[in-house]
Amino acid sequence: MSMYSELLVSALDIDQPSDEEPTTSAALSHLLRRRGRLGGSRWPQKGAEARYGTLVDHLAYDAALIKVVRLLGVDCSAEEFDLPERARTRLEAVLTSRGIQLDEIGAAAGWTERAATEADAL
C-alpha cells in the first residue's frame, strides 16, 4: 500500500462528523465543499506549506469521494488510491454514470453561494 493510501485510510477514520450514517445528499454536499477547495486557497502559500495544504485538500476530497460512492453501493477502498489520479477519475466516472455531474452541480452551487453573498451585501 502506498503512503498516500495509508494517509487516506487515516483520513477516512478521522473524517467522521457524527456517529450517524450520513445521508447521500449530506455526503454529496460535503464532497462538493471539498472539491471546491482543490487547486486554490484563500491564503496563498509557497513552498512546503503549499504542498502540505494541497495534500490535505486532496486527502479530504478523496475521503469524501469514497464515502459518497460507498453510500451509492459501490465497493471502494483507500487501497485503490496507490495512483490517486486514476482512482479519483474512476470514482468520478462512477458518479457521472449515475447522473451526478460534479462540475455542473459545483458550478451551480458556486453561483448560488455568490448570489447569496452579493444579496447580503446589498
PDB file of N, CA and C in Angstrom:
ATOM      1  N   MET A   1       0.857  -1.167   0.000  1.00  0.00           N
ATOM      2  CA  MET A   1       0.000   0.000   0.000  1.00  0.00           C
ATOM      3  C   MET A   1       0.904   1.233   0.000  1.00  0.00           C
ATOM      4  N   SER A   2       0.538   2.206  -0.814  1.00  0.00           N
ATOM      5  CA  SER A   2       1.328   3.437  -0.913  1.00  0.00           C
ATOM      6  C   SER A   2       1.131   4.305   0.328  1.00  0.00           C
ATOM      7  N   MET A   3       2.033   5.256   0.508  1.00  0.00           N
ATOM      8  CA  MET A   3       1.902   6.168   1.637  1.00  0.00           C
ATOM      9  C   MET A   3       0.619   6.987   1.515  1.00  0.00           C
ATOM     10  N   TYR A   4       0.270   7.389   0.287  1.00  0.00           N
ATOM     11  CA  TYR A   4      -0.964   8.152   0.105  1.00  0.00           C
ATOM     12  C   TYR A   4      -2.173   7.320   0.550  1.00  0.00           C
ATOM     13  N   SER A   5      -2.195   6.054   0.184  1.00  0.00           N
ATOM     14  CA  SER A   5      -3.303   5.174   0.598  1.00  0.00           C
ATOM     15  C   SER A   5      -3.368   5.054   2.116  1.00  0.00           C
ATOM     16  N   GLU A   6      -2.209   4.955   2.768  1.00  0.00           N
ATOM     17  CA  GLU A   6      -2.187   4.869   4.221  1.00  0.00           C
ATOM     18  C   GLU A   6      -2.725   6.154   4.850  1.00  0.00           C
ATOM     19  N   LEU A   7      -2.336   7.300   4.300  1.00  0.00           N
ATOM     20  CA  LEU A   7      -2.849   8.576   4.796  1.00  0.00           C
ATOM     21  C   LEU A   7      -4.365   8.670   4.571  1.00  0.00           C
ATOM     22  N   LEU A   8      -4.817   8.155   3.444  1.00  0.00           N
ATOM     23  CA  LEU A   8      -6.245   8.195   3.129  1.00  0.00           C
ATOM     24  C   LEU A   8      -7.046   7.309   4.088  1.00  0.00           C
ATOM     25  N   VAL A   9      -6.501   6.170   4.457  1.00  0.00           N
ATOM     26  CA  VAL A   9      -7.156   5.310   5.453  1.00  0.00           C
ATOM     27  C   VAL A   9      -7.334   6.097   6.751  1.00  0.00           C
ATOM     28  N   SER A  10      -6.289   6.809   7.162  1.00  0.00           N
ATOM     29  CA  SER A  10      -6.372   7.628   8.376  1.00  0.00           C
ATOM     30  C   SER A  10      -7.382   8.753   8.213  1.00  0.00           C
ATOM     31  N   ALA A  11      -7.404   9.383   7.038  1.00  0.00           N
ATOM     32  CA  ALA A  11      -8.357  10.473   6.782  1.00  0.00           C
ATOM     33  C   ALA A  11      -9.788   9.953   6.849  1.00  0.00           C
ATOM     34  N   LEU A  12     -10.028   8.773   6.355  1.00  0.00           N
ATOM     35  CA  LEU A  12     -11.374   8.183   6.424  1.00  0.00           C
ATOM     36  C   LEU A  12     -11.776   7.931   7.870  1.00  0.00           C
ATOM     37  N   ASP A  13     -10.823   7.533   8.696  1.00  0.00           N
ATOM     38  CA  ASP A  13     -11.113   7.302  10.114  1.00  0.00           C
ATOM     39  C   ASP A  13     -11.387   8.610  10.847  1.00  0.00           C
ATOM     40  N   ILE A  14     -10.664   9.662  10.488  1.00  0.00           N
ATOM     41  CA  ILE A  14     -10.792  10.959  11.164  1.00  0.00           C
ATOM     42  C   ILE A  14     -12.033  11.701  10.713  1.00  0.00           C
ATOM     43  N   ASP A  15     -12.351  11.629   9.442  1.00  0.00           N
ATOM     44  CA  ASP A  15     -13.408  12.452   8.851  1.00  0.00           C
ATOM     45  C   ASP A  15     -14.794  11.885   9.150  1.00  0.00           C
ATOM     46  N   GLN A  16     -15.119  11.765  10.412  1.00  0.00           N
ATOM     47  CA  GLN A  16     -16.427  11.282  10.842  1.00  0.00           C
ATOM     48  C   GLN A  16     -17.125  12.409  11.588  1.00  0.00           C
ATOM     49  N   PRO A  17     -17.925  13.247  10.885  1.00  0.00           N
ATOM     50  CA  PRO A  17     -18.556  14.381  11.550  1.00  0.00           C
ATOM     51  C   PRO A  17     -19.524  13.989  12.662  1.00  0.00           C
ATOM     52  N   SER A  18     -20.102  12.812  12.583  1.00  0.00           N
ATOM     53  CA  SER A  18     -21.003  12.363  13.646  1.00  0.00           C
ATOM     54  C   SER A  18     -21.042  10.840  13.639  1.00  0.00           C
ATOM     55  N   ASP A  19     -21.670  10.292  14.668  1.00  0.00           N
ATOM     56  CA  ASP A  19     -21.796   8.841  14.753  1.00  0.00           C
ATOM     57  C   ASP A  19     -22.871   8.305  13.830  1.00  0.00           C
ATOM     58  N   GLU A  20     -23.741   9.202  13.354  1.00  0.00           N
ATOM     59  CA  GLU A  20     -24.818   8.797  12.457  1.00  0.00           C
ATOM     60  C   GLU A  20     -24.287   8.557  11.050  1.00  0.00           C
ATOM     61  N   GLU A  21     -24.940   7.647  10.357  1.00  0.00           N
ATOM     62  CA  GLU A  21     -24.614   7.416   8.950  1.00  0.00           C
ATOM     63  C   GLU A  21     -25.120   8.619   8.147  1.00  0.00           C
ATOM     64  N   PRO A  22     -24.253   9.254   7.365  1.00  0.00           N
ATOM     65  CA  PRO A  22     -24.695  10.440   6.618  1.00  0.00           C
ATOM     66  C   PRO A  22     -25.669  10.075   5.508  1.00  0.00           C
ATOM     67  N   THR A  23     -26.523  11.011   5.177  1.00  0.00           N
ATOM     68  CA  THR A  23     -27.396  10.813   4.029  1.00  0.00           C
ATOM     69  C   THR A  23     -26.576  11.034   2.771  1.00  0.00           C
ATOM     70  N   THR A  24     -27.078  10.536   1.671  1.00  0.00           N
ATOM     71  CA  THR A  24     -26.376  10.731   0.408  1.00  0.00           C
ATOM     72  C   THR A  24     -26.268  12.209   0.072  1.00  0.00           C
ATOM     73  N   SER A  25     -27.331  12.971   0.309  1.00  0.00           N
ATOM     74  CA  SER A  25     -27.280  14.399  -0.014  1.00  0.00           C
ATOM     75  C   SER A  25     -26.288  15.136   0.879  1.00  0.00           C
ATOM     76  N   ALA A  26     -26.208  14.785   2.162  1.00  0.00           N
ATOM     77  CA  ALA A  26     -25.229  15.420   3.052  1.00  0.00           C
ATOM     78  C   ALA A  26     -23.808  15.062   2.635  1.00  0.00           C
ATOM     79  N   ALA A  27     -23.597  13.804   2.275  1.00  0.00           N
ATOM     80  CA  ALA A  27     -22.272  13.368   1.837  1.00  0.00           C
ATOM     81  C   ALA A  27     -21.883  14.044   0.527  1.00  0.00           C
ATOM     82  N   LEU A  28     -22.848  14.201  -0.376  1.00  0.00           N
ATOM     83  CA  LEU A  28     -22.577  14.876  -1.652  1.00  0.00           C
ATOM     84  C   LEU A  28     -22.255  16.350  -1.419  1.00  0.00           C
ATOM     85  N   SER A  29     -22.965  16.982  -0.518  1.00  0.00           N
ATOM     86  CA  SER A  29     -22.698  18.376  -0.180  1.00  0.00           C
ATOM     87  C   SER A  29     -21.282  18.529   0.386  1.00  0.00           C
ATOM     88  N   HIS A  30     -20.908  17.609   1.259  1.00  0.00           N
ATOM     89  CA  HIS A  30     -19.556  17.614   1.833  1.00  0.00           C
ATOM     90  C   HIS A  30     -18.511  17.422   0.730  1.00  0.00           C
ATOM     91  N   LEU A  31     -18.781  16.497  -0.185  1.00  0.00           N
ATOM     92  CA  LEU A  31     -17.875  16.250  -1.311  1.00  0.00           C
ATOM     93  C   LEU A  31     -17.692  17.512  -2.151  1.00  0.00           C
ATOM     94  N   LEU A  32     -18.779  18.201  -2.439  1.00  0.00           N
ATOM     95  CA  LEU A  32     -18.688  19.418  -3.253  1.00  0.00           C
ATOM     96  C   LEU A  32     -17.896  20.517  -2.552  1.00  0.00           C
ATOM     97  N   ARG A  33     -18.048  20.624  -1.240  1.00  0.00           N
ATOM     98  CA  ARG A  33     -17.244  21.610  -0.490  1.00  0.00           C
ATOM     99  C   ARG A  33     -15.770  21.258  -0.577  1.00  0.00           C
ATOM    100  N   ARG A  34     -15.464  19.992  -0.433  1.00  0.00           N
ATOM    101  CA  ARG A  34     -14.064  19.543  -0.526  1.00  0.00           C
ATOM    102  C   ARG A  34     -13.524  19.750  -1.942  1.00  0.00           C
ATOM    103  N   ARG A  35     -14.339  19.488  -2.929  1.00  0.00           N
ATOM    104  CA  ARG A  35     -13.924  19.670  -4.335  1.00  0.00           C
ATOM    105  C   ARG A  35     -13.623  21.143  -4.606  1.00  0.00           C
ATOM    106  N   GLY A  36     -14.415  22.018  -4.006  1.00  0.00           N
ATOM    107  CA  GLY A  36     -14.212  23.444  -4.191  1.00  0.00           C
ATOM    108  C   GLY A  36     -12.891  23.943  -3.627  1.00  0.00           C
ATOM    109  N   ARG A  37     -12.317  23.197  -2.707  1.00  0.00           N
ATOM    110  CA  ARG A  37     -11.040  23.590  -2.111  1.00  0.00           C
ATOM    111  C   ARG A  37      -9.845  23.145  -2.930  1.00  0.00           C
ATOM    112  N   LEU A  38     -10.060  22.238  -3.873  1.00  0.00           N
ATOM    113  CA  LEU A  38      -8.934  21.745  -4.679  1.00  0.00           C
ATOM    114  C   LEU A  38      -8.414  22.860  -5.577  1.00  0.00           C
ATOM    115  N   GLY A  39      -7.113  22.992  -5.611  1.00  0.00           N
ATOM    116  CA  GLY A  39      -6.494  23.917  -6.545  1.00  0.00           C
ATOM    117  C   GLY A  39      -6.486  25.366  -6.120  1.00  0.00           C
ATOM    118  N   GLY A  40      -6.996  25.661  -4.978  1.00  0.00           N
ATOM    119  CA  GLY A  40      -6.986  27.053  -4.557  1.00  0.00           C
ATOM    120  C   GLY A  40      -7.138  27.184  -3.062  1.00  0.00           C
ATOM    121  N   SER A  41      -6.604  28.256  -2.560  1.00  0.00           N
ATOM    122  CA  SER A  41      -6.701  28.529  -1.139  1.00  0.00           C
ATOM    123  C   SER A  41      -6.977  30.004  -0.942  1.00  0.00           C
ATOM    124  N   ARG A  42      -7.665  30.315   0.112  1.00  0.00           N
ATOM    125  CA  ARG A  42      -7.927  31.719   0.413  1.00  0.00           C
ATOM    126  C   ARG A  42      -6.647  32.438   0.806  1.00  0.00           C
ATOM    127  N   TRP A  43      -5.695  31.690   1.335  1.00  0.00           N
ATOM    128  CA  TRP A  43      -4.432  32.269   1.766  1.00  0.00           C
ATOM    129  C   TRP A  43      -3.307  31.619   0.966  1.00  0.00           C
ATOM    130  N   PRO A  44      -2.851  32.306  -0.080  1.00  0.00           N
ATOM    131  CA  PRO A  44      -1.788  31.738  -0.911  1.00  0.00           C
ATOM    132  C   PRO A  44      -0.549  31.403  -0.077  1.00  0.00           C
ATOM    133  N   GLN A  45      -0.017  30.232  -0.313  1.00  0.00           N
ATOM    134  CA  GLN A  45       1.168  29.787   0.401  1.00  0.00           C
ATOM    135  C   GLN A  45       2.209  29.367  -0.608  1.00  0.00           C
ATOM    136  N   LYS A  46       3.450  29.322  -0.158  1.00  0.00           N
ATOM    137  CA  LYS A  46       4.542  28.906  -1.025  1.00  0.00           C
ATOM    138  C   LYS A  46       5.326  27.794  -0.349  1.00  0.00           C
ATOM    139  N   GLY A  47       6.079  27.080  -1.151  1.00  0.00           N
ATOM    140  CA  GLY A  47       6.978  26.065  -0.631  1.00  0.00           C
ATOM    141  C   GLY A  47       6.266  24.878  -0.017  1.00  0.00           C
ATOM    142  N   ALA A  48       6.864  24.386   1.075  1.00  0.00           N
ATOM    143  CA  ALA A  48       6.363  23.172   1.724  1.00  0.00           C
ATOM    144  C   ALA A  48       4.941  23.358   2.243  1.00  0.00           C
ATOM    145  N   GLU A  49       4.618  24.534   2.754  1.00  0.00           N
ATOM    146  CA  GLU A  49       3.266  24.774   3.266  1.00  0.00           C
ATOM    147  C   GLU A  49       2.220  24.582   2.178  1.00  0.00           C
ATOM    148  N   ALA A  50       2.526  25.049   0.981  1.00  0.00           N
ATOM    149  CA  ALA A  50       1.589  24.896  -0.138  1.00  0.00           C
ATOM    150  C   ALA A  50       1.419  23.427  -0.490  1.00  0.00           C
ATOM    151  N   ARG A  51       2.510  22.674  -0.501  1.00  0.00           N
ATOM    152  CA  ARG A  51       2.424  21.248  -0.830  1.00  0.00           C
ATOM    153  C   ARG A  51       1.627  20.490   0.220  1.00  0.00           C
ATOM    154  N   TYR A  52       1.836  20.808   1.495  1.00  0.00           N
ATOM    155  CA  TYR A  52       1.074  20.149   2.560  1.00  0.00           C
ATOM    156  C   TYR A  52      -0.404  20.503   2.458  1.00  0.00           C
ATOM    157  N   GLY A  53      -0.691  21.762   2.176  1.00  0.00           N
ATOM    158  CA  GLY A  53      -2.086  22.183   2.020  1.00  0.00           C
ATOM    159  C   GLY A  53      -2.764  21.453   0.876  1.00  0.00           C
ATOM    160  N   THR A  54      -2.054  21.308  -0.230  1.00  0.00           N
ATOM    161  CA  THR A  54      -2.582  20.586  -1.391  1.00  0.00           C
ATOM    162  C   THR A  54      -2.826  19.122  -1.045  1.00  0.00           C
ATOM    163  N   LEU A  55      -1.892  18.519  -0.340  1.00  0.00           N
ATOM    164  CA  LEU A  55      -2.045  17.118   0.070  1.00  0.00           C
ATOM    165  C   LEU A  55      -3.266  16.941   0.972  1.00  0.00           C
ATOM    166  N   VAL A  56      -3.410  17.807   1.939  1.00  0.00           N
ATOM    167  CA  VAL A  56      -4.547  17.722   2.859  1.00  0.00           C
ATOM    168  C   VAL A  56      -5.860  17.898   2.102  1.00  0.00           C
ATOM    169  N   ASP A  57      -5.908  18.866   1.177  1.00  0.00           N
ATOM    170  CA  ASP A  57      -7.128  19.090   0.396  1.00  0.00           C
ATOM    171  C   ASP A  57      -7.482  17.864  -0.442  1.00  0.00           C
ATOM    172  N   HIS A  58      -6.476  17.230  -1.058  1.00  0.00           N
ATOM    173  CA  HIS A  58      -6.739  16.041  -1.871  1.00  0.00           C
ATOM    174  C   HIS A  58      -7.175  14.856  -1.004  1.00  0.00           C
ATOM    175  N   LEU A  59      -6.546  14.696   0.144  1.00  0.00           N
ATOM    176  CA  LEU A  59      -6.959  13.613   1.049  1.00  0.00           C
ATOM    177  C   LEU A  59      -8.404  13.801   1.494  1.00  0.00           C
ATOM    178  N   ALA A  60      -8.762  15.031   1.848  1.00  0.00           N
ATOM    179  CA  ALA A  60     -10.135  15.304   2.294  1.00  0.00           C
ATOM    180  C   ALA A  60     -11.128  15.055   1.163  1.00  0.00           C
ATOM    181  N   TYR A  61     -10.766  15.469  -0.057  1.00  0.00           N
ATOM    182  CA  TYR A  61     -11.655  15.249  -1.200  1.00  0.00           C
ATOM    183  C   TYR A  61     -11.803  13.756  -1.480  1.00  0.00           C
ATOM    184  N   ASP A  62     -10.693  13.036  -1.500  1.00  0.00           N
ATOM    185  CA  ASP A  62     -10.750  11.603  -1.803  1.00  0.00           C
ATOM    186  C   ASP A  62     -11.531  10.843  -0.732  1.00  0.00           C
ATOM    187  N   ALA A  63     -11.379  11.218   0.538  1.00  0.00           N
ATOM    188  CA  ALA A  63     -12.153  10.577   1.601  1.00  0.00           C
ATOM    189  C   ALA A  63     -13.643  10.828   1.396  1.00  0.00           C
ATOM    190  N   ALA A  64     -13.993  12.059   1.053  1.00  0.00           N
ATOM    191  CA  ALA A  64     -15.405  12.388   0.807  1.00  0.00           C
ATOM    192  C   ALA A  64     -15.929  11.650  -0.420  1.00  0.00           C
ATOM    193  N   LEU A  65     -15.105  11.525  -1.454  1.00  0.00           N
ATOM    194  CA  LEU A  65     -15.486  10.812  -2.674  1.00  0.00           C
ATOM    195  C   LEU A  65     -15.758   9.343  -2.375  1.00  0.00           C
ATOM    196  N   ILE A  66     -14.886   8.732  -1.613  1.00  0.00           N
ATOM    197  CA  ILE A  66     -15.073   7.326  -1.238  1.00  0.00           C
ATOM    198  C   ILE A  66     -16.381   7.146  -0.472  1.00  0.00           C
ATOM    199  N   LYS A  67     -16.656   8.052   0.449  1.00  0.00           N
ATOM    200  CA  LYS A  67     -17.880   7.941   1.248  1.00  0.00           C
ATOM    201  C   LYS A  67     -19.130   8.051   0.382  1.00  0.00           C
ATOM    202  N   VAL A  68     -19.124   8.954  -0.593  1.00  0.00           N
ATOM    203  CA  VAL A  68     -20.298   9.103  -1.459  1.00  0.00           C
ATOM    204  C   VAL A  68     -20.520   7.837  -2.283  1.00  0.00           C
ATOM    205  N   VAL A  69     -19.475   7.322  -2.921  1.00  0.00           N
ATOM    206  CA  VAL A  69     -19.677   6.137  -3.763  1.00  0.00           C
ATOM    207  C   VAL A  69     -20.046   4.920  -2.925  1.00  0.00           C
ATOM    208  N   ARG A  70     -19.539   4.844  -1.704  1.00  0.00           N
ATOM    209  CA  ARG A  70     -19.949   3.742  -0.823  1.00  0.00           C
ATOM    210  C   ARG A  70     -21.432   3.840  -0.492  1.00  0.00           C
ATOM    211  N   LEU A  71     -21.909   5.055  -0.239  1.00  0.00           N
ATOM    212  CA  LEU A  71     -23.338   5.244   0.041  1.00  0.00           C
ATOM    213  C   LEU A  71     -24.198   4.839  -1.155  1.00  0.00           C
ATOM    214  N   LEU A  72     -23.624   4.923  -2.349  1.00  0.00           N
ATOM    215  CA  LEU A  72     -24.345   4.526  -3.562  1.00  0.00           C
ATOM    216  C   LEU A  72     -24.198   3.035  -3.841  1.00  0.00           C
ATOM    217  N   GLY A  73     -23.538   2.317  -2.931  1.00  0.00           N
ATOM    218  CA  GLY A  73     -23.413   0.872  -3.069  1.00  0.00           C
ATOM    219  C   GLY A  73     -22.220   0.396  -3.861  1.00  0.00           C
ATOM    220  N   VAL A  74     -21.275   1.279  -4.133  1.00  0.00           N
ATOM    221  CA  VAL A  74     -20.078   0.913  -4.896  1.00  0.00           C
ATOM    222  C   VAL A  74     -18.992   0.476  -3.923  1.00  0.00           C
ATOM    223  N   ASP A  75     -18.417  -0.681  -4.181  1.00  0.00           N
ATOM    224  CA  ASP A  75     -17.335  -1.184  -3.343  1.00  0.00           C
ATOM    225  C   ASP A  75     -16.066  -0.401  -3.666  1.00  0.00           C
ATOM    226  N   CYS A  76     -15.505   0.235  -2.663  1.00  0.00           N
ATOM    227  CA  CYS A  76     -14.337   1.073  -2.864  1.00  0.00           C
ATOM    228  C   CYS A  76     -13.540   1.148  -1.573  1.00  0.00           C
ATOM    229  N   SER A  77     -12.219   1.206  -1.711  1.00  0.00           N
ATOM    230  CA  SER A  77     -11.385   1.333  -0.512  1.00  0.00           C
ATOM    231  C   SER A  77     -10.203   2.260  -0.796  1.00  0.00           C
ATOM    232  N   ALA A  78      -9.591   2.704   0.272  1.00  0.00           N
ATOM    233  CA  ALA A  78      -8.438   3.600   0.156  1.00  0.00           C
ATOM    234  C   ALA A  78      -7.259   2.904  -0.530  1.00  0.00           C
ATOM    235  N   GLU A  79      -7.199   1.595  -0.449  1.00  0.00           N
ATOM    236  CA  GLU A  79      -6.096   0.865  -1.064  1.00  0.00           C
ATOM    237  C   GLU A  79      -6.044   1.051  -2.576  1.00  0.00           C
ATOM    238  N   GLU A  80      -7.180   1.415  -3.176  1.00  0.00           N
ATOM    239  CA  GLU A  80      -7.220   1.649  -4.626  1.00  0.00           C
ATOM    240  C   GLU A  80      -6.498   2.937  -5.016  1.00  0.00           C
ATOM    241  N   PHE A  81      -6.112   3.746  -4.045  1.00  0.00           N
ATOM    242  CA  PHE A  81      -5.531   5.051  -4.308  1.00  0.00           C
ATOM    243  C   PHE A  81      -4.007   5.038  -4.330  1.00  0.00           C
ATOM    244  N   ASP A  82      -3.413   3.892  -4.711  1.00  0.00           N
ATOM    245  CA  ASP A  82      -1.964   3.869  -4.920  1.00  0.00           C
ATOM    246  C   ASP A  82      -1.594   4.855  -6.027  1.00  0.00           C
ATOM    247  N   LEU A  83      -2.475   4.980  -7.001  1.00  0.00           N
ATOM    248  CA  LEU A  83      -2.360   6.005  -8.052  1.00  0.00           C
ATOM    249  C   LEU A  83      -3.587   6.900  -7.907  1.00  0.00           C
ATOM    250  N   PRO A  84      -3.484   7.948  -7.083  1.00  0.00           N
ATOM    251  CA  PRO A  84      -4.669   8.738  -6.725  1.00  0.00           C
ATOM    252  C   PRO A  84      -5.442   9.312  -7.904  1.00  0.00           C
ATOM    253  N   GLU A  85      -4.754   9.828  -8.914  1.00  0.00           N
ATOM    254  CA  GLU A  85      -5.462  10.435 -10.038  1.00  0.00           C
ATOM    255  C   GLU A  85      -6.317   9.410 -10.768  1.00  0.00           C
ATOM    256  N   ARG A  86      -5.786   8.215 -10.929  1.00  0.00           N
ATOM    257  CA  ARG A  86      -6.522   7.154 -11.628  1.00  0.00           C
ATOM    258  C   ARG A  86      -7.756   6.727 -10.817  1.00  0.00           C
ATOM    259  N   ALA A  87      -7.569   6.516  -9.522  1.00  0.00           N
ATOM    260  CA  ALA A  87      -8.686   6.109  -8.667  1.00  0.00           C
ATOM    261  C   ALA A  87      -9.743   7.209  -8.602  1.00  0.00           C
ATOM    262  N   ARG A  88      -9.300   8.451  -8.475  1.00  0.00           N
ATOM    263  CA  ARG A  88     -10.219   9.594  -8.417  1.00  0.00           C
ATOM    264  C   ARG A  88     -11.037   9.683  -9.702  1.00  0.00           C
ATOM    265  N   THR A  89     -10.382   9.541 -10.837  1.00  0.00           N
ATOM    266  CA  THR A  89     -11.062   9.594 -12.132  1.00  0.00           C
ATOM    267  C   THR A  89     -12.084   8.476 -12.256  1.00  0.00           C
ATOM    268  N   ARG A  90     -11.728   7.286 -11.799  1.00  0.00           N
ATOM    269  CA  ARG A  90     -12.651   6.143 -11.871  1.00  0.00           C
ATOM    270  C   ARG A  90     -13.901   6.397 -11.029  1.00  0.00           C
ATOM    271  N   LEU A  91     -13.709   6.874  -9.814  1.00  0.00           N
ATOM    272  CA  LEU A  91     -14.862   7.098  -8.939  1.00  0.00           C
ATOM    273  C   LEU A  91     -15.721   8.265  -9.417  1.00  0.00           C
ATOM    274  N   GLU A  92     -15.096   9.289  -9.955  1.00  0.00           N
ATOM    275  CA  GLU A  92     -15.866  10.398 -10.518  1.00  0.00           C
ATOM    276  C   GLU A  92     -16.676   9.908 -11.724  1.00  0.00           C
ATOM    277  N   ALA A  93     -16.109   8.980 -12.499  1.00  0.00           N
ATOM    278  CA  ALA A  93     -16.837   8.409 -13.633  1.00  0.00           C
ATOM    279  C   ALA A  93     -18.028   7.579 -13.156  1.00  0.00           C
ATOM    280  N   VAL A  94     -17.877   6.894 -12.026  1.00  0.00           N
ATOM    281  CA  VAL A  94     -18.995   6.150 -11.445  1.00  0.00           C
ATOM    282  C   VAL A  94     -20.129   7.113 -11.112  1.00  0.00           C
ATOM    283  N   LEU A  95     -19.781   8.249 -10.501  1.00  0.00           N
ATOM    284  CA  LEU A  95     -20.811   9.237 -10.168  1.00  0.00           C
ATOM    285  C   LEU A  95     -21.477   9.769 -11.432  1.00  0.00           C
ATOM    286  N   THR A  96     -20.675  10.067 -12.446  1.00  0.00           N
ATOM    287  CA  THR A  96     -21.217  10.565 -13.713  1.00  0.00           C
ATOM    288  C   THR A  96     -22.163   9.550 -14.329  1.00  0.00           C
ATOM    289  N   SER A  97     -21.799   8.271 -14.271  1.00  0.00           N
ATOM    290  CA  SER A  97     -22.656   7.226 -14.849  1.00  0.00           C
ATOM    291  C   SER A  97     -23.986   7.108 -14.108  1.00  0.00           C
ATOM    292  N   ARG A  98     -24.027   7.625 -12.892  1.00  0.00           N
ATOM    293  CA  ARG A  98     -25.264   7.598 -12.098  1.00  0.00           C
ATOM    294  C   ARG A  98     -25.994   8.938 -12.135  1.00  0.00           C
ATOM    295  N   GLY A  99     -25.551   9.800 -13.043  1.00  0.00           N
ATOM    296  CA  GLY A  99     -26.236  11.076 -13.232  1.00  0.00           C
ATOM    297  C   GLY A  99     -25.782  12.195 -12.310  1.00  0.00           C
ATOM    298  N   ILE A 100     -24.689  11.986 -11.596  1.00  0.00           N
ATOM    299  CA  ILE A 100     -24.170  13.016 -10.697  1.00  0.00           C
ATOM    300  C   ILE A 100     -22.996  13.695 -11.390  1.00  0.00           C
ATOM    301  N   GLN A 101     -23.261  14.872 -11.938  1.00  0.00           N
ATOM    302  CA  GLN A 101     -22.249  15.640 -12.663  1.00  0.00           C
ATOM    303  C   GLN A 101     -21.620  16.640 -11.696  1.00  0.00           C
ATOM    304  N   LEU A 102     -20.477  16.310 -11.113  1.00  0.00           N
ATOM    305  CA  LEU A 102     -19.870  17.148 -10.087  1.00  0.00           C
ATOM    306  C   LEU A 102     -19.558  18.558 -10.587  1.00  0.00           C
ATOM    307  N   ASP A 103     -19.078  18.672 -11.817  1.00  0.00           N
ATOM    308  CA  ASP A 103     -18.751  20.004 -12.341  1.00  0.00           C
ATOM    309  C   ASP A 103     -19.993  20.874 -12.448  1.00  0.00           C
ATOM    310  N   GLU A 104     -21.073  20.307 -12.948  1.00  0.00           N
ATOM    311  CA  GLU A 104     -22.310  21.072 -13.109  1.00  0.00           C
ATOM    312  C   GLU A 104     -22.915  21.443 -11.760  1.00  0.00           C
ATOM    313  N   ILE A 105     -22.944  20.501 -10.835  1.00  0.00           N
ATOM    314  CA  ILE A 105     -23.510  20.770  -9.510  1.00  0.00           C
ATOM    315  C   ILE A 105     -22.653  21.800  -8.789  1.00  0.00           C
ATOM    316  N   GLY A 106     -21.341  21.643  -8.878  1.00  0.00           N
ATOM    317  CA  GLY A 106     -20.433  22.573  -8.220  1.00  0.00           C
ATOM    318  C   GLY A 106     -20.544  23.970  -8.777  1.00  0.00           C
ATOM    319  N   ALA A 107     -20.688  24.085 -10.087  1.00  0.00           N
ATOM    320  CA  ALA A 107     -20.833  25.403 -10.704  1.00  0.00           C
ATOM    321  C   ALA A 107     -22.133  26.057 -10.253  1.00  0.00           C
ATOM    322  N   ALA A 108     -23.215  25.285 -10.208  1.00  0.00           N
ATOM    323  CA  ALA A 108     -24.499  25.828  -9.767  1.00  0.00           C
ATOM    324  C   ALA A 108     -24.436  26.224  -8.297  1.00  0.00           C
ATOM    325  N   ALA A 109     -23.786  25.405  -7.481  1.00  0.00           N
ATOM    326  CA  ALA A 109     -23.661  25.716  -6.051  1.00  0.00           C
ATOM    327  C   ALA A 109     -22.810  26.960  -5.861  1.00  0.00           C
ATOM    328  N   GLY A 110     -21.749  27.092  -6.635  1.00  0.00           N
ATOM    329  CA  GLY A 110     -20.896  28.277  -6.550  1.00  0.00           C
ATOM    330  C   GLY A 110     -21.646  29.526  -6.934  1.00  0.00           C
ATOM    331  N   TRP A 111     -22.472  29.435  -7.973  1.00  0.00           N
ATOM    332  CA  TRP A 111     -23.267  30.581  -8.404  1.00  0.00           C
ATOM    333  C   TRP A 111     -24.260  30.959  -7.310  1.00  0.00           C
ATOM    334  N   THR A 112     -24.890  29.962  -6.697  1.00  0.00           N
ATOM    335  CA  THR A 112     -25.862  30.217  -5.636  1.00  0.00           C
ATOM    336  C   THR A 112     -25.191  30.882  -4.433  1.00  0.00           C
ATOM    337  N   GLU A 113     -24.003  30.398  -4.053  1.00  0.00           N
ATOM    338  CA  GLU A 113     -23.289  30.988  -2.924  1.00  0.00           C
ATOM    339  C   GLU A 113     -22.886  32.425  -3.231  1.00  0.00           C
ATOM    340  N   ARG A 114     -22.401  32.684  -4.452  1.00  0.00           N
ATOM    341  CA  ARG A 114     -22.013  34.048  -4.837  1.00  0.00           C
ATOM    342  C   ARG A 114     -23.231  34.960  -4.835  1.00  0.00           C
ATOM    343  N   ALA A 115     -24.361  34.473  -5.365  1.00  0.00           N
ATOM    344  CA  ALA A 115     -25.568  35.288  -5.402  1.00  0.00           C
ATOM    345  C   ALA A 115     -26.044  35.609  -3.989  1.00  0.00           C
ATOM    346  N   ALA A 116     -25.994  34.646  -3.095  1.00  0.00           N
ATOM    347  CA  ALA A 116     -26.414  34.890  -1.715  1.00  0.00           C
ATOM    348  C   ALA A 116     -25.494  35.885  -1.039  1.00  0.00           C
ATOM    349  N   THR A 117     -24.192  35.776  -1.283  1.00  0.00           N
ATOM    350  CA  THR A 117     -23.225  36.704  -0.692  1.00  0.00           C
ATOM    351  C   THR A 117     -23.459  38.102  -1.218  1.00  0.00           C
ATOM    352  N   GLU A 118     -23.697  38.237  -2.524  1.00  0.00           N
ATOM    353  CA  GLU A 118     -23.940  39.557  -3.108  1.00  0.00           C
ATOM    354  C   GLU A 118     -25.248  40.145  -2.596  1.00  0.00           C
ATOM    355  N   ALA A 119     -26.270  39.313  -2.428  1.00  0.00           N
ATOM    356  CA  ALA A 119     -27.546  39.800  -1.910  1.00  0.00           C
ATOM    357  C   ALA A 119     -27.403  40.292  -0.472  1.00  0.00           C
ATOM    358  N   ASP A 120     -26.585  39.588   0.324  1.00  0.00           N
ATOM    359  CA  ASP A 120     -26.353  40.015   1.704  1.00  0.00           C
ATOM    360  C   ASP A 120     -25.628  41.355   1.759  1.00  0.00           C
ATOM    361  N   ALA A 121     -24.802  41.623   0.752  1.00  0.00           N
ATOM    362  CA  ALA A 121     -24.032  42.877   0.728  1.00  0.00           C
ATOM    363  C   ALA A 121     -24.912  44.079   0.406  1.00  0.00           C
ATOM    364  N   LEU A 122     -26.063  43.848  -0.227  1.00  0.00           N
ATOM    365  CA  LEU A 122     -26.940  44.963  -0.601  1.00  0.00           C
ATOM    366  C   LEU A 122     -27.634  45.542   0.552  1.00  0.00           C
TER     367      LEU A 122
END
